[in-house]
């Protein structure tokens, strides 16, 4: 009886060990396949592969616009701001070209704009247009729909405090009659703690660039 029990326990342990080994092999294969797929810009809807790719994406694979020296430049009042000119920004799910001047993201002029009354858009990456081209932002679509000039001052990761500072440094501040503020809950920390007169050093920027997201 004891010998039979021991044999059964050994079989159970053996099969359990085989299952565990196969599970880790399959998981490792799926992880490797998901990673290589992301490198090649391929995304899958399969629940398991999708969850693995999502985990890889958000734990270091994703490109962050504000960490790209080709797209941003140091600013003593804002820590960083968009660099004037064009920059390419891509991730596995998109490839975009962003164009800025000293104050805003530039989009194509729409026809019949009322230049006497303009709209200013403030916000973070949503307003700036993360993952969309210049003529796909909601600022561009508003301008096209309303037939009024819309200036897109949105910048990725800015809270409302820095958004207002950016507006006050622009030529649109004194004559702004309509201002749209796009808000996200992750703006709350900056809005509660950041003084509007705060100045940044280049060391602050270097420290910020080393943050892992």
N, C-alpha and C. Protein backbone atom coordinates (compact mmCIF):
# COMPACT_ATOMS: atom_id res chain seq x y z
N UNK A 1 0.82 -1.20 0.00
CA UNK A 1 0.00 0.00 0.00
C UNK A 1 0.85 1.25 0.00
N UNK A 2 1.86 1.26 0.85
CA UNK A 2 2.75 2.41 0.94
C UNK A 2 3.55 2.59 -0.34
N UNK A 3 3.96 1.43 -0.95
CA UNK A 3 4.72 1.52 -2.19
C UNK A 3 3.87 2.10 -3.32
N UNK A 4 2.61 1.65 -3.38
CA UNK A 4 1.70 2.18 -4.40
C UNK A 4 1.46 3.68 -4.20
N UNK A 5 1.34 4.09 -2.95
CA UNK A 5 1.13 5.50 -2.64
C UNK A 5 2.34 6.34 -3.06
N UNK A 6 3.52 5.77 -2.79
CA UNK A 6 4.75 6.48 -3.17
C UNK A 6 4.84 6.62 -4.69
N UNK A 7 4.45 5.55 -5.44
CA UNK A 7 4.48 5.59 -6.89
C UNK A 7 3.52 6.64 -7.43
N UNK A 8 2.33 6.69 -6.82
CA UNK A 8 1.33 7.67 -7.25
C UNK A 8 1.85 9.09 -7.00
N UNK A 9 2.46 9.30 -5.84
CA UNK A 9 3.00 10.63 -5.52
C UNK A 9 4.11 11.01 -6.49
N UNK A 10 4.94 10.06 -6.85
CA UNK A 10 6.02 10.33 -7.81
C UNK A 10 5.45 10.70 -9.18
N UNK A 11 4.38 9.99 -9.58
CA UNK A 11 3.76 10.30 -10.87
C UNK A 11 3.16 11.70 -10.87
N UNK A 12 2.48 12.02 -9.76
CA UNK A 12 1.87 13.35 -9.64
C UNK A 12 2.94 14.43 -9.71
N UNK A 13 4.04 14.22 -8.98
CA UNK A 13 5.14 15.18 -8.98
C UNK A 13 5.76 15.30 -10.37
N UNK A 14 5.90 14.15 -11.05
CA UNK A 14 6.49 14.14 -12.39
C UNK A 14 5.63 14.94 -13.37
N UNK A 15 4.32 14.64 -13.37
CA UNK A 15 3.43 15.35 -14.29
C UNK A 15 3.33 16.84 -13.96
N UNK A 16 3.35 17.14 -12.67
CA UNK A 16 3.32 18.55 -12.25
C UNK A 16 4.57 19.28 -12.72
N UNK A 17 5.72 18.61 -12.60
CA UNK A 17 6.99 19.19 -13.03
C UNK A 17 6.97 19.42 -14.54
N UNK A 18 6.47 18.44 -15.31
CA UNK A 18 6.39 18.56 -16.77
C UNK A 18 5.48 19.73 -17.16
N UNK A 19 4.35 19.87 -16.47
CA UNK A 19 3.41 20.96 -16.77
C UNK A 19 4.06 22.32 -16.51
N UNK A 20 4.77 22.42 -15.38
CA UNK A 20 5.44 23.68 -15.04
C UNK A 20 6.50 24.04 -16.07
N UNK A 21 7.31 23.05 -16.46
CA UNK A 21 8.37 23.28 -17.46
C UNK A 21 7.76 23.73 -18.78
N UNK A 22 6.70 23.05 -19.21
CA UNK A 22 6.05 23.42 -20.47
C UNK A 22 5.43 24.80 -20.40
N UNK A 23 4.85 25.12 -19.23
CA UNK A 23 4.25 26.45 -19.06
C UNK A 23 5.30 27.54 -19.23
N UNK A 24 6.45 27.36 -18.57
CA UNK A 24 7.51 28.37 -18.67
C UNK A 24 8.08 28.44 -20.09
N UNK A 25 8.19 27.31 -20.76
CA UNK A 25 8.69 27.31 -22.14
C UNK A 25 7.72 28.05 -23.07
N UNK A 26 6.43 27.75 -22.90
CA UNK A 26 5.42 28.40 -23.74
C UNK A 26 5.38 29.91 -23.46
N UNK A 27 5.45 30.27 -22.16
CA UNK A 27 5.43 31.68 -21.78
C UNK A 27 6.65 32.42 -22.33
N UNK A 28 7.82 31.79 -22.21
CA UNK A 28 9.04 32.40 -22.72
C UNK A 28 8.97 32.58 -24.23
N UNK A 29 8.42 31.58 -24.92
CA UNK A 29 8.27 31.67 -26.38
C UNK A 29 7.31 32.80 -26.75
N UNK A 30 6.18 32.87 -26.02
CA UNK A 30 5.19 33.93 -26.29
C UNK A 30 5.78 35.30 -26.01
N UNK A 31 6.56 35.42 -24.93
CA UNK A 31 7.19 36.70 -24.58
C UNK A 31 8.18 37.12 -25.67
N UNK A 32 9.02 36.17 -26.10
CA UNK A 32 10.01 36.46 -27.14
C UNK A 32 9.31 36.85 -28.44
N UNK A 33 8.27 36.08 -28.81
CA UNK A 33 7.53 36.37 -30.03
C UNK A 33 6.87 37.75 -29.96
N UNK A 34 6.31 38.08 -28.79
CA UNK A 34 5.65 39.38 -28.61
C UNK A 34 6.65 40.52 -28.72
N UNK A 35 7.82 40.33 -28.13
CA UNK A 35 8.85 41.36 -28.16
C UNK A 35 9.35 41.60 -29.59
N UNK A 36 9.64 40.52 -30.30
CA UNK A 36 10.11 40.64 -31.68
C UNK A 36 9.02 41.27 -32.56
N UNK A 37 7.77 40.93 -32.29
CA UNK A 37 6.66 41.51 -33.04
C UNK A 37 6.58 43.01 -32.83
N UNK A 38 6.77 43.46 -31.57
CA UNK A 38 6.77 44.88 -31.28
C UNK A 38 7.90 45.59 -32.01
N UNK A 39 9.06 44.97 -32.03
CA UNK A 39 10.19 45.56 -32.75
C UNK A 39 9.87 45.77 -34.22
N UNK A 40 9.06 44.87 -34.77
CA UNK A 40 8.69 44.95 -36.18
C UNK A 40 7.38 45.69 -36.41
N UNK A 41 6.86 46.31 -35.32
CA UNK A 41 5.64 47.11 -35.45
C UNK A 41 4.37 46.31 -35.63
N UNK A 42 4.37 45.04 -35.19
CA UNK A 42 3.19 44.20 -35.33
C UNK A 42 2.52 43.99 -33.97
N UNK A 43 1.19 44.19 -33.95
CA UNK A 43 0.40 44.05 -32.73
C UNK A 43 -0.68 43.02 -32.98
N UNK A 44 -0.94 42.15 -32.00
CA UNK A 44 -1.91 41.07 -32.15
C UNK A 44 -3.08 41.24 -31.19
N UNK A 45 -4.27 40.81 -31.65
CA UNK A 45 -5.48 40.93 -30.84
C UNK A 45 -5.70 39.74 -29.91
N UNK A 46 -4.92 38.69 -30.08
CA UNK A 46 -5.03 37.55 -29.18
C UNK A 46 -4.85 38.01 -27.74
N UNK A 47 -5.77 37.61 -26.86
CA UNK A 47 -5.77 38.13 -25.48
C UNK A 47 -4.43 37.94 -24.79
N UNK A 48 -3.84 36.74 -24.90
CA UNK A 48 -2.59 36.45 -24.20
C UNK A 48 -1.44 37.26 -24.79
N UNK A 49 -1.30 37.21 -26.12
CA UNK A 49 -0.22 37.97 -26.76
C UNK A 49 -0.41 39.47 -26.55
N UNK A 50 -1.66 39.91 -26.62
CA UNK A 50 -1.95 41.33 -26.43
C UNK A 50 -1.56 41.79 -25.04
N UNK A 51 -1.86 40.98 -24.02
CA UNK A 51 -1.53 41.35 -22.64
C UNK A 51 -0.02 41.36 -22.42
N UNK A 52 0.70 40.42 -23.06
CA UNK A 52 2.17 40.40 -22.94
C UNK A 52 2.77 41.61 -23.64
N UNK A 53 2.30 41.91 -24.85
CA UNK A 53 2.81 43.07 -25.58
C UNK A 53 2.52 44.37 -24.82
N UNK A 54 1.35 44.43 -24.21
CA UNK A 54 1.00 45.63 -23.43
C UNK A 54 1.94 45.79 -22.25
N UNK A 55 2.26 44.70 -21.58
CA UNK A 55 3.17 44.75 -20.43
C UNK A 55 4.56 45.20 -20.86
N UNK A 56 5.06 44.62 -21.97
CA UNK A 56 6.38 45.01 -22.50
C UNK A 56 6.37 46.48 -22.89
N UNK A 57 5.28 46.90 -23.55
CA UNK A 57 5.16 48.26 -24.07
C UNK A 57 5.25 49.30 -22.96
N UNK A 58 4.49 49.08 -21.88
CA UNK A 58 4.40 50.08 -20.83
C UNK A 58 5.52 49.98 -19.79
N UNK A 59 6.34 48.96 -19.88
CA UNK A 59 7.43 48.81 -18.91
C UNK A 59 8.80 49.05 -19.54
N UNK A 60 8.84 49.97 -20.50
CA UNK A 60 10.14 50.38 -21.01
C UNK A 60 10.29 50.39 -22.52
N UNK A 61 9.41 49.70 -23.24
CA UNK A 61 9.55 49.65 -24.70
C UNK A 61 9.04 50.92 -25.35
N UNK A 62 8.01 51.51 -24.76
CA UNK A 62 7.35 52.68 -25.37
C UNK A 62 8.28 53.88 -25.47
N UNK A 63 8.26 54.55 -26.60
CA UNK A 63 8.97 55.82 -26.76
C UNK A 63 8.16 56.94 -26.12
N UNK A 64 8.84 57.83 -25.41
CA UNK A 64 8.18 58.96 -24.75
C UNK A 64 8.63 60.24 -25.45
N UNK A 65 7.68 60.98 -25.99
CA UNK A 65 7.99 62.16 -26.80
C UNK A 65 8.86 63.16 -26.05
N UNK A 66 8.51 63.48 -24.80
CA UNK A 66 9.23 64.53 -24.08
C UNK A 66 10.66 64.14 -23.70
N UNK A 67 11.01 62.85 -23.86
CA UNK A 67 12.37 62.41 -23.57
C UNK A 67 13.25 62.40 -24.82
N UNK A 68 12.70 62.83 -25.93
CA UNK A 68 13.42 62.81 -27.21
C UNK A 68 14.07 64.17 -27.45
N UNK A 69 15.40 64.21 -27.46
CA UNK A 69 16.12 65.47 -27.67
C UNK A 69 15.91 66.06 -29.06
N UNK A 70 15.43 65.25 -29.99
CA UNK A 70 15.13 65.76 -31.32
C UNK A 70 13.82 66.54 -31.35
N UNK A 71 13.01 66.35 -30.30
CA UNK A 71 11.68 66.96 -30.27
C UNK A 71 11.54 68.05 -29.21
N UNK A 72 12.35 68.00 -28.16
CA UNK A 72 12.20 68.96 -27.07
C UNK A 72 13.52 69.66 -26.75
N UNK A 73 13.41 70.79 -26.08
CA UNK A 73 14.58 71.59 -25.72
C UNK A 73 14.36 72.18 -24.32
N UNK A 74 15.44 72.43 -23.63
CA UNK A 74 15.38 72.97 -22.27
C UNK A 74 14.74 74.35 -22.25
N UNK A 75 13.94 74.60 -21.20
CA UNK A 75 13.35 75.92 -20.98
C UNK A 75 13.34 76.19 -19.48
N UNK A 76 13.84 77.34 -19.08
CA UNK A 76 13.99 77.62 -17.64
C UNK A 76 12.65 77.78 -16.93
N UNK A 77 11.60 78.14 -17.64
CA UNK A 77 10.29 78.33 -17.03
C UNK A 77 9.42 77.09 -17.11
N UNK A 78 9.67 76.24 -18.10
CA UNK A 78 8.78 75.11 -18.36
C UNK A 78 9.46 73.75 -18.25
N UNK A 79 10.75 73.74 -17.91
CA UNK A 79 11.60 72.55 -17.86
C UNK A 79 11.99 72.13 -19.27
N UNK A 80 11.03 71.91 -20.12
CA UNK A 80 11.29 71.65 -21.54
C UNK A 80 10.11 72.19 -22.34
N UNK A 81 10.33 72.38 -23.61
CA UNK A 81 9.28 72.81 -24.52
C UNK A 81 9.56 72.20 -25.89
N UNK A 82 8.57 72.19 -26.77
CA UNK A 82 8.80 71.64 -28.12
C UNK A 82 9.89 72.42 -28.85
N UNK A 83 10.73 71.70 -29.55
CA UNK A 83 11.77 72.32 -30.36
C UNK A 83 11.15 72.81 -31.67
N UNK A 84 11.47 74.03 -32.06
CA UNK A 84 10.94 74.57 -33.31
C UNK A 84 11.42 73.74 -34.49
N UNK A 85 10.49 73.46 -35.40
CA UNK A 85 10.82 72.64 -36.56
C UNK A 85 10.04 71.33 -36.52
N UNK A 86 10.53 70.35 -37.24
CA UNK A 86 9.84 69.07 -37.35
C UNK A 86 10.61 67.98 -36.61
N UNK A 87 9.86 67.04 -36.05
CA UNK A 87 10.49 65.86 -35.46
C UNK A 87 9.61 64.65 -35.72
N UNK A 88 10.23 63.52 -35.90
CA UNK A 88 9.49 62.28 -36.09
C UNK A 88 9.31 61.60 -34.74
N UNK A 89 8.13 61.10 -34.50
CA UNK A 89 7.84 60.41 -33.26
C UNK A 89 7.02 59.17 -33.58
N UNK A 90 7.52 58.00 -33.18
CA UNK A 90 6.83 56.77 -33.53
C UNK A 90 6.83 55.78 -32.38
N UNK A 91 5.88 54.89 -32.43
CA UNK A 91 5.76 53.73 -31.57
C UNK A 91 5.21 52.61 -32.45
N UNK A 92 5.13 51.38 -31.95
CA UNK A 92 4.65 50.30 -32.82
C UNK A 92 3.30 50.56 -33.47
N UNK A 93 2.43 51.34 -32.79
CA UNK A 93 1.08 51.54 -33.31
C UNK A 93 0.93 52.79 -34.17
N UNK A 94 1.98 53.61 -34.28
CA UNK A 94 1.87 54.80 -35.12
C UNK A 94 3.26 55.31 -35.51
N UNK A 95 3.26 56.12 -36.57
CA UNK A 95 4.46 56.84 -37.00
C UNK A 95 4.01 58.23 -37.40
N UNK A 96 4.49 59.25 -36.70
CA UNK A 96 3.97 60.60 -36.91
C UNK A 96 5.10 61.60 -37.13
N UNK A 97 4.71 62.72 -37.73
CA UNK A 97 5.61 63.86 -37.89
C UNK A 97 4.96 65.06 -37.21
N UNK A 98 5.69 65.67 -36.28
CA UNK A 98 5.16 66.80 -35.53
C UNK A 98 5.94 68.06 -35.91
N UNK A 99 5.21 69.16 -36.11
CA UNK A 99 5.83 70.42 -36.48
C UNK A 99 5.41 71.51 -35.50
N UNK A 100 6.42 72.25 -34.99
CA UNK A 100 6.17 73.31 -34.02
C UNK A 100 6.89 74.59 -34.46
N UNK A 101 6.33 75.73 -34.03
CA UNK A 101 7.11 76.95 -34.04
C UNK A 101 7.42 77.29 -32.58
N UNK A 102 7.76 78.52 -32.27
CA UNK A 102 8.17 78.85 -30.90
C UNK A 102 7.04 78.76 -29.89
N UNK A 103 5.79 78.71 -30.36
CA UNK A 103 4.67 78.82 -29.43
C UNK A 103 3.63 77.71 -29.53
N UNK A 104 3.59 76.99 -30.64
CA UNK A 104 2.47 76.08 -30.85
C UNK A 104 2.82 74.96 -31.82
N UNK A 105 1.94 73.96 -31.86
CA UNK A 105 2.03 72.94 -32.90
C UNK A 105 1.33 73.48 -34.14
N UNK A 106 1.97 73.31 -35.28
CA UNK A 106 1.48 73.89 -36.52
C UNK A 106 0.66 72.86 -37.29
N UNK A 107 -0.48 73.30 -37.81
CA UNK A 107 -1.23 72.47 -38.74
C UNK A 107 -1.58 73.29 -39.98
N UNK A 108 -2.07 72.59 -40.97
CA UNK A 108 -2.38 73.24 -42.24
C UNK A 108 -3.49 74.27 -42.05
N UNK A 109 -3.33 75.41 -42.71
CA UNK A 109 -4.36 76.44 -42.65
C UNK A 109 -5.63 75.94 -43.34
N UNK A 110 -6.75 76.13 -42.67
CA UNK A 110 -8.03 75.79 -43.30
C UNK A 110 -8.61 77.02 -43.98
N UNK A 111 -9.55 76.84 -44.84
CA UNK A 111 -10.10 77.96 -45.62
C UNK A 111 -11.12 78.77 -44.83
N UNK A 112 -11.22 80.06 -45.17
CA UNK A 112 -12.26 80.94 -44.64
C UNK A 112 -12.20 81.08 -43.11
N UNK A 113 -11.00 81.15 -42.56
CA UNK A 113 -10.88 81.31 -41.11
C UNK A 113 -11.19 82.75 -40.71
N UNK A 114 -11.90 82.89 -39.58
CA UNK A 114 -12.12 84.20 -38.99
C UNK A 114 -10.90 84.55 -38.17
N UNK A 115 -10.00 85.36 -38.71
CA UNK A 115 -8.74 85.67 -38.06
C UNK A 115 -8.89 86.70 -36.95
N UNK A 116 -10.04 87.37 -36.90
CA UNK A 116 -10.25 88.39 -35.86
C UNK A 116 -10.56 87.76 -34.51
N UNK A 117 -11.07 86.56 -34.52
CA UNK A 117 -11.39 85.87 -33.27
C UNK A 117 -10.77 84.49 -33.31
N UNK A 118 -9.83 84.24 -32.42
CA UNK A 118 -9.15 82.96 -32.42
C UNK A 118 -9.39 82.21 -31.12
N UNK A 119 -9.09 80.91 -31.14
CA UNK A 119 -9.25 80.03 -29.99
C UNK A 119 -7.88 79.47 -29.63
N UNK A 120 -7.59 79.43 -28.33
CA UNK A 120 -6.34 78.85 -27.85
C UNK A 120 -6.66 77.53 -27.14
N UNK A 121 -5.91 76.48 -27.48
CA UNK A 121 -6.08 75.18 -26.84
C UNK A 121 -4.87 74.90 -25.96
N UNK A 122 -5.13 74.63 -24.67
CA UNK A 122 -4.10 74.22 -23.72
C UNK A 122 -4.35 72.77 -23.33
N UNK A 123 -3.29 72.07 -22.97
CA UNK A 123 -3.47 70.69 -22.55
C UNK A 123 -2.17 69.92 -22.58
N UNK A 124 -2.29 68.62 -22.36
CA UNK A 124 -1.12 67.75 -22.33
C UNK A 124 -1.00 66.99 -23.65
N UNK A 125 -0.59 65.73 -23.58
CA UNK A 125 -0.35 64.96 -24.81
C UNK A 125 -1.62 64.78 -25.64
N UNK A 126 -2.78 64.76 -24.98
CA UNK A 126 -4.04 64.59 -25.71
C UNK A 126 -4.28 65.80 -26.60
N UNK A 127 -4.12 66.99 -26.03
CA UNK A 127 -4.30 68.22 -26.81
C UNK A 127 -3.20 68.37 -27.85
N UNK A 128 -1.96 68.10 -27.45
CA UNK A 128 -0.85 68.22 -28.39
C UNK A 128 -1.08 67.33 -29.61
N UNK A 129 -1.58 66.11 -29.34
CA UNK A 129 -1.85 65.17 -30.43
C UNK A 129 -0.88 64.01 -30.44
N UNK A 130 -0.89 63.21 -29.35
CA UNK A 130 -0.01 62.04 -29.25
C UNK A 130 -0.48 60.98 -30.24
N UNK A 131 0.40 60.59 -31.13
CA UNK A 131 0.08 59.52 -32.06
C UNK A 131 -0.68 59.94 -33.30
N UNK A 132 -0.87 61.26 -33.48
CA UNK A 132 -1.55 61.73 -34.70
C UNK A 132 -0.69 62.79 -35.38
N UNK A 133 -0.88 62.95 -36.68
CA UNK A 133 -0.12 63.93 -37.44
C UNK A 133 -0.68 65.33 -37.25
N UNK A 134 0.00 66.31 -37.80
CA UNK A 134 -0.34 67.71 -37.56
C UNK A 134 -1.79 68.04 -37.93
N UNK A 135 -2.28 67.46 -39.01
CA UNK A 135 -3.63 67.78 -39.49
C UNK A 135 -4.66 66.77 -39.00
N UNK A 136 -4.37 66.13 -37.86
CA UNK A 136 -5.31 65.18 -37.27
C UNK A 136 -5.62 65.51 -35.80
N UNK A 137 -5.02 66.57 -35.28
CA UNK A 137 -5.29 66.96 -33.90
C UNK A 137 -6.70 67.52 -33.79
N UNK A 138 -7.25 67.53 -32.55
CA UNK A 138 -8.60 68.09 -32.43
C UNK A 138 -8.59 69.60 -32.61
N UNK A 139 -7.44 70.25 -32.44
CA UNK A 139 -7.34 71.69 -32.74
C UNK A 139 -7.57 71.95 -34.23
N UNK A 140 -6.96 71.13 -35.05
CA UNK A 140 -7.15 71.27 -36.49
C UNK A 140 -8.60 71.02 -36.88
N UNK A 141 -9.21 69.99 -36.29
CA UNK A 141 -10.60 69.65 -36.62
C UNK A 141 -11.56 70.75 -36.15
N UNK A 142 -11.26 71.35 -34.98
CA UNK A 142 -12.07 72.47 -34.50
C UNK A 142 -11.99 73.66 -35.46
N UNK A 143 -10.76 73.96 -35.87
CA UNK A 143 -10.56 75.08 -36.80
C UNK A 143 -11.33 74.85 -38.10
N UNK A 144 -11.27 73.65 -38.59
CA UNK A 144 -11.95 73.31 -39.83
C UNK A 144 -13.47 73.42 -39.68
N UNK A 145 -13.97 73.00 -38.51
CA UNK A 145 -15.41 72.99 -38.28
C UNK A 145 -15.95 74.39 -37.98
N UNK A 146 -15.24 75.14 -37.14
CA UNK A 146 -15.75 76.43 -36.66
C UNK A 146 -15.40 77.60 -37.57
N UNK A 147 -14.45 77.38 -38.47
CA UNK A 147 -13.98 78.45 -39.36
C UNK A 147 -13.36 79.60 -38.57
N UNK A 148 -12.73 79.25 -37.45
CA UNK A 148 -11.98 80.21 -36.65
C UNK A 148 -10.59 79.66 -36.38
N UNK A 149 -9.62 80.54 -36.33
CA UNK A 149 -8.25 80.11 -36.13
C UNK A 149 -8.10 79.48 -34.75
N UNK A 150 -7.47 78.32 -34.69
CA UNK A 150 -7.23 77.62 -33.43
C UNK A 150 -5.74 77.41 -33.25
N UNK A 151 -5.19 77.89 -32.14
CA UNK A 151 -3.78 77.74 -31.83
C UNK A 151 -3.61 76.62 -30.80
N UNK A 152 -2.83 75.61 -31.18
CA UNK A 152 -2.63 74.43 -30.33
C UNK A 152 -1.35 74.58 -29.52
N UNK A 153 -1.50 74.94 -28.23
CA UNK A 153 -0.36 75.12 -27.35
C UNK A 153 -0.13 73.90 -26.45
N UNK A 154 -0.83 72.80 -26.71
CA UNK A 154 -0.70 71.60 -25.88
C UNK A 154 0.70 71.01 -25.94
N UNK A 155 1.17 70.53 -24.79
CA UNK A 155 2.50 69.90 -24.70
C UNK A 155 2.40 68.65 -23.81
N UNK A 156 2.96 67.57 -24.26
CA UNK A 156 2.91 66.31 -23.54
C UNK A 156 3.44 66.43 -22.12
N UNK A 157 2.67 65.93 -21.17
CA UNK A 157 2.95 65.81 -19.73
C UNK A 157 2.83 67.12 -18.96
N UNK A 158 2.54 68.21 -19.61
CA UNK A 158 2.31 69.46 -18.88
C UNK A 158 1.03 69.34 -18.05
N UNK A 159 1.08 69.87 -16.81
CA UNK A 159 -0.12 70.09 -16.05
C UNK A 159 -0.64 71.48 -16.36
N UNK A 160 -1.76 71.85 -15.74
CA UNK A 160 -2.39 73.13 -16.05
C UNK A 160 -1.48 74.31 -15.70
N UNK A 161 -0.65 74.15 -14.67
CA UNK A 161 0.25 75.23 -14.25
C UNK A 161 1.21 75.60 -15.38
N UNK A 162 1.90 74.60 -15.93
CA UNK A 162 2.83 74.90 -17.02
C UNK A 162 2.10 75.29 -18.30
N UNK A 163 0.91 74.78 -18.49
CA UNK A 163 0.13 75.17 -19.67
C UNK A 163 -0.16 76.67 -19.64
N UNK A 164 -0.52 77.17 -18.46
CA UNK A 164 -0.79 78.61 -18.32
C UNK A 164 0.49 79.42 -18.48
N UNK A 165 1.60 78.92 -17.93
CA UNK A 165 2.87 79.61 -18.09
C UNK A 165 3.25 79.71 -19.57
N UNK A 166 3.01 78.63 -20.31
CA UNK A 166 3.32 78.62 -21.75
C UNK A 166 2.43 79.63 -22.48
N UNK A 167 1.17 79.69 -22.10
CA UNK A 167 0.26 80.66 -22.71
C UNK A 167 0.72 82.09 -22.44
N UNK A 168 1.13 82.37 -21.20
CA UNK A 168 1.53 83.73 -20.83
C UNK A 168 2.80 84.16 -21.56
N UNK A 169 3.61 83.20 -21.99
CA UNK A 169 4.82 83.53 -22.74
C UNK A 169 4.56 83.69 -24.24
N UNK A 170 3.34 83.39 -24.65
CA UNK A 170 3.01 83.44 -26.08
C UNK A 170 2.42 84.80 -26.45
N UNK A 171 2.34 85.10 -27.73
CA UNK A 171 1.75 86.37 -28.18
C UNK A 171 0.22 86.34 -28.17
N UNK A 172 -0.37 85.20 -27.78
CA UNK A 172 -1.82 85.05 -27.83
C UNK A 172 -2.50 85.36 -26.50
N UNK A 173 -1.71 85.55 -25.46
CA UNK A 173 -2.26 85.65 -24.11
C UNK A 173 -3.19 86.85 -23.92
N UNK A 174 -2.74 88.04 -24.27
CA UNK A 174 -3.50 89.26 -23.98
C UNK A 174 -4.79 89.36 -24.79
N UNK A 175 -4.80 88.79 -25.98
CA UNK A 175 -5.97 88.91 -26.84
C UNK A 175 -6.83 87.65 -26.89
N UNK A 176 -6.54 86.70 -25.98
CA UNK A 176 -7.30 85.45 -25.98
C UNK A 176 -8.68 85.67 -25.39
N UNK A 177 -9.71 85.41 -26.18
CA UNK A 177 -11.09 85.51 -25.69
C UNK A 177 -11.69 84.13 -25.39
N UNK A 178 -11.21 83.13 -26.13
CA UNK A 178 -11.70 81.76 -25.91
C UNK A 178 -10.52 80.84 -25.69
N UNK A 179 -10.48 80.20 -24.52
CA UNK A 179 -9.40 79.28 -24.18
C UNK A 179 -10.01 77.93 -23.79
N UNK A 180 -9.58 76.88 -24.46
CA UNK A 180 -10.01 75.52 -24.13
C UNK A 180 -8.89 74.85 -23.36
N UNK A 181 -9.20 74.35 -22.16
CA UNK A 181 -8.21 73.65 -21.34
C UNK A 181 -8.57 72.17 -21.30
N UNK A 182 -7.77 71.35 -21.95
CA UNK A 182 -7.95 69.90 -21.88
C UNK A 182 -7.28 69.41 -20.60
N UNK A 183 -8.03 68.70 -19.78
CA UNK A 183 -7.53 68.28 -18.46
C UNK A 183 -7.57 66.77 -18.33
N UNK A 184 -6.55 66.22 -17.65
CA UNK A 184 -6.51 64.80 -17.33
C UNK A 184 -6.21 64.66 -15.84
N UNK A 185 -6.69 63.58 -15.23
CA UNK A 185 -6.50 63.42 -13.79
C UNK A 185 -5.03 63.36 -13.39
N UNK A 186 -4.13 62.95 -14.31
CA UNK A 186 -2.71 62.92 -13.95
C UNK A 186 -2.09 64.32 -13.91
N UNK A 187 -2.89 65.37 -14.21
CA UNK A 187 -2.42 66.74 -14.05
C UNK A 187 -2.53 67.22 -12.60
N UNK A 188 -3.26 66.46 -11.78
CA UNK A 188 -3.58 66.92 -10.43
C UNK A 188 -2.34 67.17 -9.59
N UNK A 189 -1.35 66.25 -9.65
CA UNK A 189 -0.15 66.39 -8.83
C UNK A 189 0.58 67.68 -9.09
N UNK A 190 0.81 68.00 -10.38
CA UNK A 190 1.48 69.25 -10.73
C UNK A 190 0.63 70.46 -10.32
N UNK A 191 -0.66 70.38 -10.54
CA UNK A 191 -1.52 71.51 -10.22
C UNK A 191 -1.55 71.82 -8.73
N UNK A 192 -1.39 70.81 -7.89
CA UNK A 192 -1.41 71.02 -6.44
C UNK A 192 -0.08 71.51 -5.90
N UNK A 193 1.02 71.09 -6.53
CA UNK A 193 2.33 71.30 -5.91
C UNK A 193 3.25 72.28 -6.61
N UNK A 194 3.02 72.56 -7.88
CA UNK A 194 3.99 73.37 -8.62
C UNK A 194 3.66 74.85 -8.54
N UNK A 195 4.65 75.62 -8.11
CA UNK A 195 4.48 77.08 -8.06
C UNK A 195 4.60 77.64 -9.47
N UNK A 196 3.71 78.59 -9.78
CA UNK A 196 3.67 79.10 -11.15
C UNK A 196 4.93 79.88 -11.51
N UNK A 197 5.66 80.38 -10.53
CA UNK A 197 6.89 81.14 -10.79
C UNK A 197 8.15 80.27 -10.74
N UNK A 198 7.99 78.97 -10.60
CA UNK A 198 9.14 78.07 -10.47
C UNK A 198 10.03 78.13 -11.71
N UNK A 199 11.35 78.20 -11.47
CA UNK A 199 12.34 78.13 -12.54
C UNK A 199 13.08 76.80 -12.47
N UNK A 200 13.53 76.33 -13.62
CA UNK A 200 14.22 75.05 -13.71
C UNK A 200 15.65 75.25 -14.19
N UNK A 201 16.53 74.39 -13.71
CA UNK A 201 17.91 74.41 -14.19
C UNK A 201 18.10 73.27 -15.19
N UNK A 202 19.21 73.29 -15.88
CA UNK A 202 19.49 72.20 -16.82
C UNK A 202 19.71 70.89 -16.07
N UNK A 203 20.14 70.97 -14.81
CA UNK A 203 20.28 69.76 -13.99
C UNK A 203 18.91 69.14 -13.73
N UNK A 204 17.90 69.97 -13.54
CA UNK A 204 16.53 69.46 -13.39
C UNK A 204 16.10 68.69 -14.62
N UNK A 205 16.45 69.21 -15.79
CA UNK A 205 16.09 68.55 -17.03
C UNK A 205 16.81 67.21 -17.17
N UNK A 206 18.09 67.18 -16.83
CA UNK A 206 18.87 65.94 -16.93
C UNK A 206 18.30 64.88 -15.98
N UNK A 207 17.90 65.31 -14.80
CA UNK A 207 17.30 64.39 -13.84
C UNK A 207 15.97 63.85 -14.37
N UNK A 208 15.19 64.73 -14.98
CA UNK A 208 13.91 64.34 -15.55
C UNK A 208 14.09 63.33 -16.68
N UNK A 209 15.11 63.53 -17.51
CA UNK A 209 15.35 62.66 -18.65
C UNK A 209 15.72 61.24 -18.23
N UNK A 210 16.22 61.09 -16.99
CA UNK A 210 16.62 59.76 -16.50
C UNK A 210 15.48 58.99 -15.87
N UNK A 211 14.31 59.64 -15.75
CA UNK A 211 13.16 58.96 -15.16
C UNK A 211 12.72 57.83 -16.08
N UNK A 212 12.50 56.66 -15.49
CA UNK A 212 12.02 55.52 -16.28
C UNK A 212 10.49 55.48 -16.20
N UNK A 213 9.88 55.37 -17.36
CA UNK A 213 8.41 55.36 -17.43
C UNK A 213 7.94 53.98 -17.85
